[in-house]
Every structure is written in structure tokens, then in C-alpha cells.
Amino acid sequence: MTKQIKEKKKIQRQFEGEVVKAKANKTISVLVIEHKLHPKYQKRYQVSRKYPVHDEKGEAKEGDRIIFVECRPLSKTKRWRFLKKVS
């Protein structure tokens, strides 16, 4: 009687964006720009959003492109964690 335990894979959302503010301690603001297509008029338009991201070591500087992932709530607004620097 062997039981197979199925592991649930946690789906983590992942975004790439540009650091626009890196003045706070362990927190950076990242701007993510997404291009969408209007369903009726078939015109492309731009949607942007800023995310507060946790940067434990302070590696990211303003102007860097980074990748960040979803994590547990770290504060009132921070639910994202710095993963790696792209450029």
C-alpha cells in the first residue's frame, strides 16, 4: 500500500520592468509597460503599472531592467520579490 503524494506546483507570476525609484531601504519601484490590443478596434495601446518590489541586498539601481516574482505579503503593499537583473 504505497501512497503517491502529488506535489502542488505553486504558480508564481513573473514580470520584467524598469526600476524608476530605488531610494527607500530594501524597496524599489518598478514600472512595467504592457502592450494590449483593443478587442473591437484592433488598435494597440500601452498600459503601465508601478509595483513596489522587495530588494533585500539593494542590488538594483535606477534605470536597471529587472525580473521580479510574486511572493507572500512582506508589508502592506509589497507582494513582489527581486529575482535578477537583466541589464
C-alpha atoms as a PDB file:
ATOM      1  CA  MET A   1       0.000   0.000   0.000  1.00  0.00           C
ATOM      2  CA  THR A   2       2.147   2.812  -1.204  1.00  0.00           C
ATOM      3  CA  LYS A   3       0.623   6.232  -1.438  1.00  0.00           C
ATOM      4  CA  GLN A   4       1.701   8.642  -4.067  1.00  0.00           C
ATOM      5  CA  ILE A   5       1.878  12.172  -2.815  1.00  0.00           C
ATOM      6  CA  LYS A   6       1.233  14.721  -5.513  1.00  0.00           C
ATOM      7  CA  GLU A   7       3.035  17.969  -5.016  1.00  0.00           C
ATOM      8  CA  LYS A   8       1.172  21.087  -5.961  1.00  0.00           C
ATOM      9  CA  LYS A   9       3.339  23.382  -8.008  1.00  0.00           C
ATOM     10  CA  LYS A  10       2.940  26.952  -6.925  1.00  0.00           C
ATOM     11  CA  ILE A  11       2.348  29.216  -9.892  1.00  0.00           C
ATOM     12  CA  GLN A  12       4.394  32.372  -9.455  1.00  0.00           C
ATOM     13  CA  ARG A  13       3.658  35.375 -11.595  1.00  0.00           C
ATOM     14  CA  GLN A  14       6.798  36.911 -13.036  1.00  0.00           C
ATOM     15  CA  PHE A  15       7.277  40.349 -14.606  1.00  0.00           C
ATOM     16  CA  GLU A  16      10.084  42.315 -16.220  1.00  0.00           C
ATOM     17  CA  GLY A  17      10.310  46.062 -15.786  1.00  0.00           C
ATOM     18  CA  GLU A  18      12.477  49.132 -15.271  1.00  0.00           C
ATOM     19  CA  VAL A  19      13.472  50.446 -11.854  1.00  0.00           C
ATOM     20  CA  VAL A  20      12.194  54.006 -11.536  1.00  0.00           C
ATOM     21  CA  LYS A  21      12.887  54.604  -7.837  1.00  0.00           C
ATOM     22  CA  ALA A  22      15.465  52.984  -5.565  1.00  0.00           C
ATOM     23  CA  LYS A  23      15.769  55.430  -2.654  1.00  0.00           C
ATOM     24  CA  ALA A  24      13.957  53.510   0.090  1.00  0.00           C
ATOM     25  CA  ASN A  25      15.706  50.874   2.192  1.00  0.00           C
ATOM     26  CA  LYS A  26      15.130  47.369   0.710  1.00  0.00           C
ATOM     27  CA  THR A  27      12.310  48.626  -1.542  1.00  0.00           C
ATOM     28  CA  ILE A  28      12.361  49.607  -5.200  1.00  0.00           C
ATOM     29  CA  SER A  29       9.601  50.855  -7.512  1.00  0.00           C
ATOM     30  CA  VAL A  30       9.414  49.058 -10.847  1.00  0.00           C
ATOM     31  CA  LEU A  31       7.487  50.285 -13.890  1.00  0.00           C
ATOM     32  CA  VAL A  32       6.010  47.533 -16.076  1.00  0.00           C
ATOM     33  CA  ILE A  33       4.737  48.533 -19.516  1.00  0.00           C
ATOM     34  CA  GLU A  34       2.362  46.141 -21.249  1.00  0.00           C
ATOM     35  CA  HIS A  35       1.003  46.394 -24.801  1.00  0.00           C
ATOM     36  CA  LYS A  36      -2.612  45.340 -25.299  1.00  0.00           C
ATOM     37  CA  LEU A  37      -4.910  45.035 -28.292  1.00  0.00           C
ATOM     38  CA  HIS A  38      -8.366  46.594 -28.219  1.00  0.00           C
ATOM     39  CA  PRO A  39     -10.925  43.829 -28.867  1.00  0.00           C
ATOM     40  CA  LYS A  40     -13.215  45.856 -31.132  1.00  0.00           C
ATOM     41  CA  TYR A  41     -10.966  48.403 -32.854  1.00  0.00           C
ATOM     42  CA  GLN A  42      -7.835  46.216 -33.103  1.00  0.00           C
ATOM     43  CA  LYS A  43      -5.651  49.124 -32.041  1.00  0.00           C
ATOM     44  CA  ARG A  44      -2.633  48.581 -29.833  1.00  0.00           C
ATOM     45  CA  TYR A  45      -2.371  50.628 -26.667  1.00  0.00           C
ATOM     46  CA  GLN A  46       0.005  50.850 -23.746  1.00  0.00           C
ATOM     47  CA  VAL A  47      -0.834  50.052 -20.115  1.00  0.00           C
ATOM     48  CA  SER A  48       1.698  50.824 -17.395  1.00  0.00           C
ATOM     49  CA  ARG A  49       1.774  49.986 -13.699  1.00  0.00           C
ATOM     50  CA  LYS A  50       4.255  50.525 -10.861  1.00  0.00           C
ATOM     51  CA  TYR A  51       4.994  47.719  -8.410  1.00  0.00           C
ATOM     52  CA  PRO A  52       6.768  48.030  -5.039  1.00  0.00           C
ATOM     53  CA  VAL A  53       9.399  45.261  -5.040  1.00  0.00           C
ATOM     54  CA  HIS A  54      11.455  43.911  -2.121  1.00  0.00           C
ATOM     55  CA  ASP A  55      15.212  44.115  -2.795  1.00  0.00           C
ATOM     56  CA  GLU A  56      16.936  42.583   0.239  1.00  0.00           C
ATOM     57  CA  LYS A  57      20.559  43.309  -0.779  1.00  0.00           C
ATOM     58  CA  GLY A  58      19.970  46.614  -2.578  1.00  0.00           C
ATOM     59  CA  GLU A  59      21.389  45.338  -5.889  1.00  0.00           C
ATOM     60  CA  ALA A  60      19.051  47.204  -8.250  1.00  0.00           C
ATOM     61  CA  LYS A  61      19.684  50.830  -9.188  1.00  0.00           C
ATOM     62  CA  GLU A  62      17.525  53.331 -11.061  1.00  0.00           C
ATOM     63  CA  GLY A  63      17.378  52.601 -14.786  1.00  0.00           C
ATOM     64  CA  ASP A  64      18.098  48.851 -14.468  1.00  0.00           C
ATOM     65  CA  ARG A  65      15.827  46.282 -16.116  1.00  0.00           C
ATOM     66  CA  ILE A  66      14.934  43.540 -13.645  1.00  0.00           C
ATOM     67  CA  ILE A  67      12.798  40.425 -13.278  1.00  0.00           C
ATOM     68  CA  PHE A  68      10.660  40.066 -10.156  1.00  0.00           C
ATOM     69  CA  VAL A  69       8.308  37.353  -8.877  1.00  0.00           C
ATOM     70  CA  GLU A  70       5.263  37.081  -6.663  1.00  0.00           C
ATOM     71  CA  CYS A  71       5.760  36.119  -3.009  1.00  0.00           C
ATOM     72  CA  ARG A  72       3.990  36.211   0.332  1.00  0.00           C
ATOM     73  CA  PRO A  73       2.937  39.653   1.645  1.00  0.00           C
ATOM     74  CA  LEU A  74       6.016  41.375   3.076  1.00  0.00           C
ATOM     75  CA  SER A  75       4.292  44.609   4.099  1.00  0.00           C
ATOM     76  CA  LYS A  76       1.052  46.474   3.456  1.00  0.00           C
ATOM     77  CA  THR A  77       1.820  46.958  -0.250  1.00  0.00           C
ATOM     78  CA  LYS A  78       4.821  44.708  -1.053  1.00  0.00           C
ATOM     79  CA  ARG A  79       3.964  41.327  -2.573  1.00  0.00           C
ATOM     80  CA  TRP A  80       6.857  41.083  -5.025  1.00  0.00           C
ATOM     81  CA  ARG A  81      10.482  39.973  -4.632  1.00  0.00           C
ATOM     82  CA  PHE A  82      13.520  40.908  -6.746  1.00  0.00           C
ATOM     83  CA  LEU A  83      14.824  37.903  -8.716  1.00  0.00           C
ATOM     84  CA  LYS A  84      17.607  39.025 -11.058  1.00  0.00           C
ATOM     85  CA  LYS A  85      18.978  41.899 -13.094  1.00  0.00           C
ATOM     86  CA  VAL A  86      18.522  41.659 -16.874  1.00  0.00           C
ATOM     87  CA  SER A  87      20.670  44.626 -17.906  1.00  0.00           C
END
